[in-house]
Structures are given as structure tokens and as C-alpha cells.
Amino acid sequence: MNIEWIDGSKITVSTDSQEVLISANKEGLLSLAAQLKALAEGIPGDHIHYDEYTSLEEGSTEMIIERVK
């Protein structure tokens, strides 16, 4: 799966004991939307890893989104 980011994308993921917060600028939201669309069109088991070393802002919680049935 081709993962593309719009220049200037910024996404932060944080968690507490009861919720997950995804904060993003316009470019980050548009990038995430395109990636989720590609994932939805994939096959069960396809997934995308997001972390501060590949796509999220420093200090973010790692996030994995997986396509199921």
C-alpha cells in the first residue's frame, strides 16, 4: 500500500485511560483520509503503523489501523 503525506502534515495521537485523541492540521487530516480510503479498498489484514519515527509528531502514542472484513 502506498502511504503518501501532504507536505506540512502534522498529526499527534495521545491517550489516557479512557480515550484516544487524534489532533491534526488540515494537511494531516487530508493525508489520513486518503490513507484510510486506500486501507478500506485493501484486503482484510492490511494495516498501517503510525508512530513518531515515521509519521506522527514527537511524543505521540503509536497507533495501528487495520482493515478487517
PDB file of N, CA and C in Angstrom:
ATOM      1  N   MET A   1       0.843  -1.170   0.000  1.00  0.00           N
ATOM      2  CA  MET A   1       0.000   0.000   0.000  1.00  0.00           C
ATOM      3  C   MET A   1       0.890   1.237   0.000  1.00  0.00           C
ATOM      4  N   ASN A   2       0.554   2.176  -0.853  1.00  0.00           N
ATOM      5  CA  ASN A   2       1.329   3.398  -0.967  1.00  0.00           C
ATOM      6  C   ASN A   2       0.830   4.424   0.051  1.00  0.00           C
ATOM      7  N   ILE A   3       1.690   4.795   0.982  1.00  0.00           N
ATOM      8  CA  ILE A   3       1.340   5.775   2.013  1.00  0.00           C
ATOM      9  C   ILE A   3       1.969   7.110   1.636  1.00  0.00           C
ATOM     10  N   GLU A   4       1.132   8.096   1.375  1.00  0.00           N
ATOM     11  CA  GLU A   4       1.630   9.413   0.996  1.00  0.00           C
ATOM     12  C   GLU A   4       1.200  10.455   2.020  1.00  0.00           C
ATOM     13  N   TRP A   5       2.053  11.446   2.176  1.00  0.00           N
ATOM     14  CA  TRP A   5       1.772  12.551   3.087  1.00  0.00           C
ATOM     15  C   TRP A   5       1.826  13.856   2.325  1.00  0.00           C
ATOM     16  N   ILE A   6       0.869  14.718   2.572  1.00  0.00           N
ATOM     17  CA  ILE A   6       0.883  16.066   2.017  1.00  0.00           C
ATOM     18  C   ILE A   6       1.926  16.861   2.796  1.00  0.00           C
ATOM     19  N   ASP A   7       2.732  17.647   2.087  1.00  0.00           N
ATOM     20  CA  ASP A   7       3.744  18.472   2.754  1.00  0.00           C
ATOM     21  C   ASP A   7       3.106  19.306   3.862  1.00  0.00           C
ATOM     22  N   GLY A   8       3.762  19.343   4.993  1.00  0.00           N
ATOM     23  CA  GLY A   8       3.287  20.133   6.124  1.00  0.00           C
ATOM     24  C   GLY A   8       2.346  19.382   7.055  1.00  0.00           C
ATOM     25  N   SER A   9       2.117  18.084   6.764  1.00  0.00           N
ATOM     26  CA  SER A   9       1.213  17.291   7.618  1.00  0.00           C
ATOM     27  C   SER A   9       1.719  17.221   9.040  1.00  0.00           C
ATOM     28  N   LYS A  10       0.809  17.384   9.978  1.00  0.00           N
ATOM     29  CA  LYS A  10       1.128  17.240  11.401  1.00  0.00           C
ATOM     30  C   LYS A  10      -0.018  16.493  12.062  1.00  0.00           C
ATOM     31  N   ILE A  11       0.324  15.376  12.704  1.00  0.00           N
ATOM     32  CA  ILE A  11      -0.667  14.569  13.435  1.00  0.00           C
ATOM     33  C   ILE A  11      -0.063  14.172  14.767  1.00  0.00           C
ATOM     34  N   THR A  12      -0.840  14.330  15.821  1.00  0.00           N
ATOM     35  CA  THR A  12      -0.446  13.899  17.155  1.00  0.00           C
ATOM     36  C   THR A  12      -1.518  12.952  17.676  1.00  0.00           C
ATOM     37  N   VAL A  13      -1.083  11.846  18.278  1.00  0.00           N
ATOM     38  CA  VAL A  13      -2.002  10.889  18.899  1.00  0.00           C
ATOM     39  C   VAL A  13      -1.655  10.813  20.377  1.00  0.00           C
ATOM     40  N   SER A  14      -2.665  10.963  21.228  1.00  0.00           N
ATOM     41  CA  SER A  14      -2.448  10.832  22.670  1.00  0.00           C
ATOM     42  C   SER A  14      -3.558   9.967  23.249  1.00  0.00           C
ATOM     43  N   THR A  15      -3.270   9.373  24.385  1.00  0.00           N
ATOM     44  CA  THR A  15      -4.247   8.513  25.055  1.00  0.00           C
ATOM     45  C   THR A  15      -4.239   8.779  26.543  1.00  0.00           C
ATOM     46  N   ASP A  16      -5.371   8.469  27.153  1.00  0.00           N
ATOM     47  CA  ASP A  16      -5.432   8.368  28.602  1.00  0.00           C
ATOM     48  C   ASP A  16      -6.144   7.055  28.889  1.00  0.00           C
ATOM     49  N   SER A  17      -6.592   6.843  30.071  1.00  0.00           N
ATOM     50  CA  SER A  17      -7.169   5.548  30.414  1.00  0.00           C
ATOM     51  C   SER A  17      -8.493   5.254  29.720  1.00  0.00           C
ATOM     52  N   GLN A  18      -9.139   6.269  29.123  1.00  0.00           N
ATOM     53  CA  GLN A  18     -10.456   6.033  28.554  1.00  0.00           C
ATOM     54  C   GLN A  18     -10.663   6.526  27.133  1.00  0.00           C
ATOM     55  N   GLU A  19      -9.700   7.268  26.580  1.00  0.00           N
ATOM     56  CA  GLU A  19      -9.939   7.773  25.237  1.00  0.00           C
ATOM     57  C   GLU A  19      -8.650   7.981  24.457  1.00  0.00           C
ATOM     58  N   VAL A  20      -8.820   8.055  23.148  1.00  0.00           N
ATOM     59  CA  VAL A  20      -7.727   8.345  22.222  1.00  0.00           C
ATOM     60  C   VAL A  20      -8.045   9.680  21.568  1.00  0.00           C
ATOM     61  N   LEU A  21      -7.070  10.564  21.492  1.00  0.00           N
ATOM     62  CA  LEU A  21      -7.245  11.859  20.844  1.00  0.00           C
ATOM     63  C   LEU A  21      -6.293  11.937  19.656  1.00  0.00           C
ATOM     64  N   ILE A  22      -6.849  12.167  18.468  1.00  0.00           N
ATOM     65  CA  ILE A  22      -6.054  12.392  17.266  1.00  0.00           C
ATOM     66  C   ILE A  22      -6.218  13.865  16.911  1.00  0.00           C
ATOM     67  N   SER A  23      -5.118  14.601  16.946  1.00  0.00           N
ATOM     68  CA  SER A  23      -5.119  16.030  16.624  1.00  0.00           C
ATOM     69  C   SER A  23      -4.298  16.223  15.362  1.00  0.00           C
ATOM     70  N   ALA A  24      -4.841  16.955  14.394  1.00  0.00           N
ATOM     71  CA  ALA A  24      -4.124  17.125  13.138  1.00  0.00           C
ATOM     72  C   ALA A  24      -4.461  18.448  12.483  1.00  0.00           C
ATOM     73  N   ASN A  25      -3.508  18.950  11.697  1.00  0.00           N
ATOM     74  CA  ASN A  25      -3.790  20.122  10.888  1.00  0.00           C
ATOM     75  C   ASN A  25      -4.495  19.667   9.606  1.00  0.00           C
ATOM     76  N   LYS A  26      -4.861  20.624   8.755  1.00  0.00           N
ATOM     77  CA  LYS A  26      -5.607  20.312   7.530  1.00  0.00           C
ATOM     78  C   LYS A  26      -4.862  19.293   6.668  1.00  0.00           C
ATOM     79  N   GLU A  27      -3.569  19.508   6.467  1.00  0.00           N
ATOM     80  CA  GLU A  27      -2.775  18.604   5.636  1.00  0.00           C
ATOM     81  C   GLU A  27      -2.719  17.196   6.236  1.00  0.00           C
ATOM     82  N   GLY A  28      -2.607  17.131   7.555  1.00  0.00           N
ATOM     83  CA  GLY A  28      -2.583  15.837   8.227  1.00  0.00           C
ATOM     84  C   GLY A  28      -3.908  15.107   8.086  1.00  0.00           C
ATOM     85  N   LEU A  29      -5.017  15.829   8.231  1.00  0.00           N
ATOM     86  CA  LEU A  29      -6.333  15.204   8.087  1.00  0.00           C
ATOM     87  C   LEU A  29      -6.568  14.720   6.663  1.00  0.00           C
ATOM     88  N   LEU A  30      -6.180  15.521   5.672  1.00  0.00           N
ATOM     89  CA  LEU A  30      -6.344  15.097   4.279  1.00  0.00           C
ATOM     90  C   LEU A  30      -5.474  13.880   3.962  1.00  0.00           C
ATOM     91  N   SER A  31      -4.266  13.850   4.495  1.00  0.00           N
ATOM     92  CA  SER A  31      -3.384  12.694   4.297  1.00  0.00           C
ATOM     93  C   SER A  31      -3.977  11.447   4.943  1.00  0.00           C
ATOM     94  N   LEU A  32      -4.439  11.602   6.176  1.00  0.00           N
ATOM     95  CA  LEU A  32      -5.038  10.479   6.895  1.00  0.00           C
ATOM     96  C   LEU A  32      -6.283   9.974   6.170  1.00  0.00           C
ATOM     97  N   ALA A  33      -7.096  10.873   5.659  1.00  0.00           N
ATOM     98  CA  ALA A  33      -8.306  10.488   4.928  1.00  0.00           C
ATOM     99  C   ALA A  33      -7.953   9.663   3.690  1.00  0.00           C
ATOM    100  N   ALA A  34      -6.947  10.088   2.944  1.00  0.00           N
ATOM    101  CA  ALA A  34      -6.537   9.351   1.746  1.00  0.00           C
ATOM    102  C   ALA A  34      -5.997   7.969   2.119  1.00  0.00           C
ATOM    103  N   GLN A  35      -5.253   7.895   3.221  1.00  0.00           N
ATOM    104  CA  GLN A  35      -4.703   6.615   3.660  1.00  0.00           C
ATOM    105  C   GLN A  35      -5.807   5.673   4.133  1.00  0.00           C
ATOM    106  N   LEU A  36      -6.801   6.205   4.842  1.00  0.00           N
ATOM    107  CA  LEU A  36      -7.921   5.376   5.295  1.00  0.00           C
ATOM    108  C   LEU A  36      -8.736   4.882   4.113  1.00  0.00           C
ATOM    109  N   LYS A  37      -8.885   5.701   3.078  1.00  0.00           N
ATOM    110  CA  LYS A  37      -9.593   5.271   1.872  1.00  0.00           C
ATOM    111  C   LYS A  37      -8.835   4.123   1.205  1.00  0.00           C
ATOM    112  N   ALA A  38      -7.531   4.263   1.082  1.00  0.00           N
ATOM    113  CA  ALA A  38      -6.718   3.198   0.487  1.00  0.00           C
ATOM    114  C   ALA A  38      -6.813   1.927   1.324  1.00  0.00           C
ATOM    115  N   LEU A  39      -6.805   2.066   2.628  1.00  0.00           N
ATOM    116  CA  LEU A  39      -6.919   0.915   3.518  1.00  0.00           C
ATOM    117  C   LEU A  39      -8.275   0.247   3.360  1.00  0.00           C
ATOM    118  N   ALA A  40      -9.333   1.035   3.251  1.00  0.00           N
ATOM    119  CA  ALA A  40     -10.688   0.495   3.077  1.00  0.00           C
ATOM    120  C   ALA A  40     -10.806  -0.287   1.775  1.00  0.00           C
ATOM    121  N   GLU A  41     -10.066   0.115   0.757  1.00  0.00           N
ATOM    122  CA  GLU A  41     -10.107  -0.556  -0.539  1.00  0.00           C
ATOM    123  C   GLU A  41      -9.165  -1.758  -0.602  1.00  0.00           C
ATOM    124  N   GLY A  42      -8.400  -1.974   0.466  1.00  0.00           N
ATOM    125  CA  GLY A  42      -7.470  -3.094   0.526  1.00  0.00           C
ATOM    126  C   GLY A  42      -8.168  -4.384   0.909  1.00  0.00           C
ATOM    127  N   ILE A  43      -7.382  -5.297   1.428  1.00  0.00           N
ATOM    128  CA  ILE A  43      -7.911  -6.595   1.837  1.00  0.00           C
ATOM    129  C   ILE A  43      -7.804  -6.745   3.353  1.00  0.00           C
ATOM    130  N   PRO A  44      -8.653  -7.604   3.943  1.00  0.00           N
ATOM    131  CA  PRO A  44      -8.536  -7.836   5.385  1.00  0.00           C
ATOM    132  C   PRO A  44      -7.097  -8.211   5.765  1.00  0.00           C
ATOM    133  N   GLY A  45      -6.644  -7.621   6.836  1.00  0.00           N
ATOM    134  CA  GLY A  45      -5.271  -7.849   7.294  1.00  0.00           C
ATOM    135  C   GLY A  45      -4.335  -6.711   6.927  1.00  0.00           C
ATOM    136  N   ASP A  46      -4.683  -5.929   5.883  1.00  0.00           N
ATOM    137  CA  ASP A  46      -3.873  -4.749   5.576  1.00  0.00           C
ATOM    138  C   ASP A  46      -3.905  -3.822   6.783  1.00  0.00           C
ATOM    139  N   HIS A  47      -2.814  -3.156   7.053  1.00  0.00           N
ATOM    140  CA  HIS A  47      -2.763  -2.249   8.190  1.00  0.00           C
ATOM    141  C   HIS A  47      -1.707  -1.177   7.961  1.00  0.00           C
ATOM    142  N   ILE A  48      -1.828  -0.102   8.712  1.00  0.00           N
ATOM    143  CA  ILE A  48      -0.862   0.994   8.662  1.00  0.00           C
ATOM    144  C   ILE A  48      -0.388   1.273  10.081  1.00  0.00           C
ATOM    145  N   HIS A  49       0.930   1.352  10.249  1.00  0.00           N
ATOM    146  CA  HIS A  49       1.544   1.710  11.529  1.00  0.00           C
ATOM    147  C   HIS A  49       1.855   3.207  11.515  1.00  0.00           C
ATOM    148  N   TYR A  50       1.465   3.874  12.560  1.00  0.00           N
ATOM    149  CA  TYR A  50       1.798   5.289  12.730  1.00  0.00           C
ATOM    150  C   TYR A  50       2.578   5.417  14.036  1.00  0.00           C
ATOM    151  N   ASP A  51       3.714   6.106  13.989  1.00  0.00           N
ATOM    152  CA  ASP A  51       4.472   6.386  15.203  1.00  0.00           C
ATOM    153  C   ASP A  51       5.299   7.643  14.993  1.00  0.00           C
ATOM    154  N   GLU A  52       5.950   8.092  16.033  1.00  0.00           N
ATOM    155  CA  GLU A  52       6.683   9.357  15.946  1.00  0.00           C
ATOM    156  C   GLU A  52       7.929   9.253  15.075  1.00  0.00           C
ATOM    157  N   TYR A  53       8.352   8.046  14.719  1.00  0.00           N
ATOM    158  CA  TYR A  53       9.538   7.872  13.894  1.00  0.00           C
ATOM    159  C   TYR A  53       9.202   7.858  12.405  1.00  0.00           C
ATOM    160  N   THR A  54       7.938   7.646  12.054  1.00  0.00           N
ATOM    161  CA  THR A  54       7.568   7.559  10.647  1.00  0.00           C
ATOM    162  C   THR A  54       6.548   8.600  10.207  1.00  0.00           C
ATOM    163  N   SER A  55       5.680   9.063  11.098  1.00  0.00           N
ATOM    164  CA  SER A  55       4.623   9.942  10.606  1.00  0.00           C
ATOM    165  C   SER A  55       3.995  10.862  11.653  1.00  0.00           C
ATOM    166  N   LEU A  56       4.051  10.522  12.904  1.00  0.00           N
ATOM    167  CA  LEU A  56       3.394  11.320  13.941  1.00  0.00           C
ATOM    168  C   LEU A  56       4.374  12.287  14.583  1.00  0.00           C
ATOM    169  N   GLU A  57       3.835  13.281  15.234  1.00  0.00           N
ATOM    170  CA  GLU A  57       4.662  14.249  15.941  1.00  0.00           C
ATOM    171  C   GLU A  57       5.353  13.586  17.136  1.00  0.00           C
ATOM    172  N   GLU A  58       6.479  14.144  17.526  1.00  0.00           N
ATOM    173  CA  GLU A  58       7.255  13.625  18.652  1.00  0.00           C
ATOM    174  C   GLU A  58       6.383  13.541  19.904  1.00  0.00           C
ATOM    175  N   GLY A  59       6.497  12.442  20.632  1.00  0.00           N
ATOM    176  CA  GLY A  59       5.751  12.243  21.865  1.00  0.00           C
ATOM    177  C   GLY A  59       4.396  11.593  21.663  1.00  0.00           C
ATOM    178  N   SER A  60       4.029  11.332  20.394  1.00  0.00           N
ATOM    179  CA  SER A  60       2.737  10.711  20.110  1.00  0.00           C
ATOM    180  C   SER A  60       2.723   9.248  20.515  1.00  0.00           C
ATOM    181  N   THR A  61       1.534   8.753  20.801  1.00  0.00           N
ATOM    182  CA  THR A  61       1.317   7.342  21.076  1.00  0.00           C
ATOM    183  C   THR A  61       1.259   6.596  19.751  1.00  0.00           C
ATOM    184  N   GLU A  62       1.913   5.437  19.680  1.00  0.00           N
ATOM    185  CA  GLU A  62       1.866   4.623  18.470  1.00  0.00           C
ATOM    186  C   GLU A  62       0.419   4.208  18.185  1.00  0.00           C
ATOM    187  N   MET A  63       0.078   4.136  16.890  1.00  0.00           N
ATOM    188  CA  MET A  63      -1.275   3.769  16.500  1.00  0.00           C
ATOM    189  C   MET A  63      -1.182   2.822  15.294  1.00  0.00           C
ATOM    190  N   ILE A  64      -1.977   1.779  15.315  1.00  0.00           N
ATOM    191  CA  ILE A  64      -2.080   0.866  14.184  1.00  0.00           C
ATOM    192  C   ILE A  64      -3.556   0.818  13.781  1.00  0.00           C
ATOM    193  N   ILE A  65      -3.815   1.003  12.493  1.00  0.00           N
ATOM    194  CA  ILE A  65      -5.175   0.891  11.975  1.00  0.00           C
ATOM    195  C   ILE A  65      -5.185  -0.294  11.019  1.00  0.00           C
ATOM    196  N   GLU A  66      -6.108  -1.222  11.240  1.00  0.00           N
ATOM    197  CA  GLU A  66      -6.158  -2.467  10.460  1.00  0.00           C
ATOM    198  C   GLU A  66      -7.486  -2.613   9.754  1.00  0.00           C
ATOM    199  N   ARG A  67      -7.426  -3.133   8.536  1.00  0.00           N
ATOM    200  CA  ARG A  67      -8.625  -3.436   7.749  1.00  0.00           C
ATOM    201  C   ARG A  67      -9.081  -4.832   8.127  1.00  0.00           C
ATOM    202  N   VAL A  68     -10.313  -4.973   8.542  1.00  0.00           N
ATOM    203  CA  VAL A  68     -10.925  -6.275   8.805  1.00  0.00           C
ATOM    204  C   VAL A  68     -12.052  -6.482   7.802  1.00  0.00           C
ATOM    205  N   LYS A  69     -12.783  -7.550   7.944  1.00  0.00           N
ATOM    206  CA  LYS A  69     -13.846  -7.889   6.978  1.00  0.00           C
ATOM    207  C   LYS A  69     -14.433  -6.737   6.301  1.00  0.00           C
TER     208      LYS A  69
END
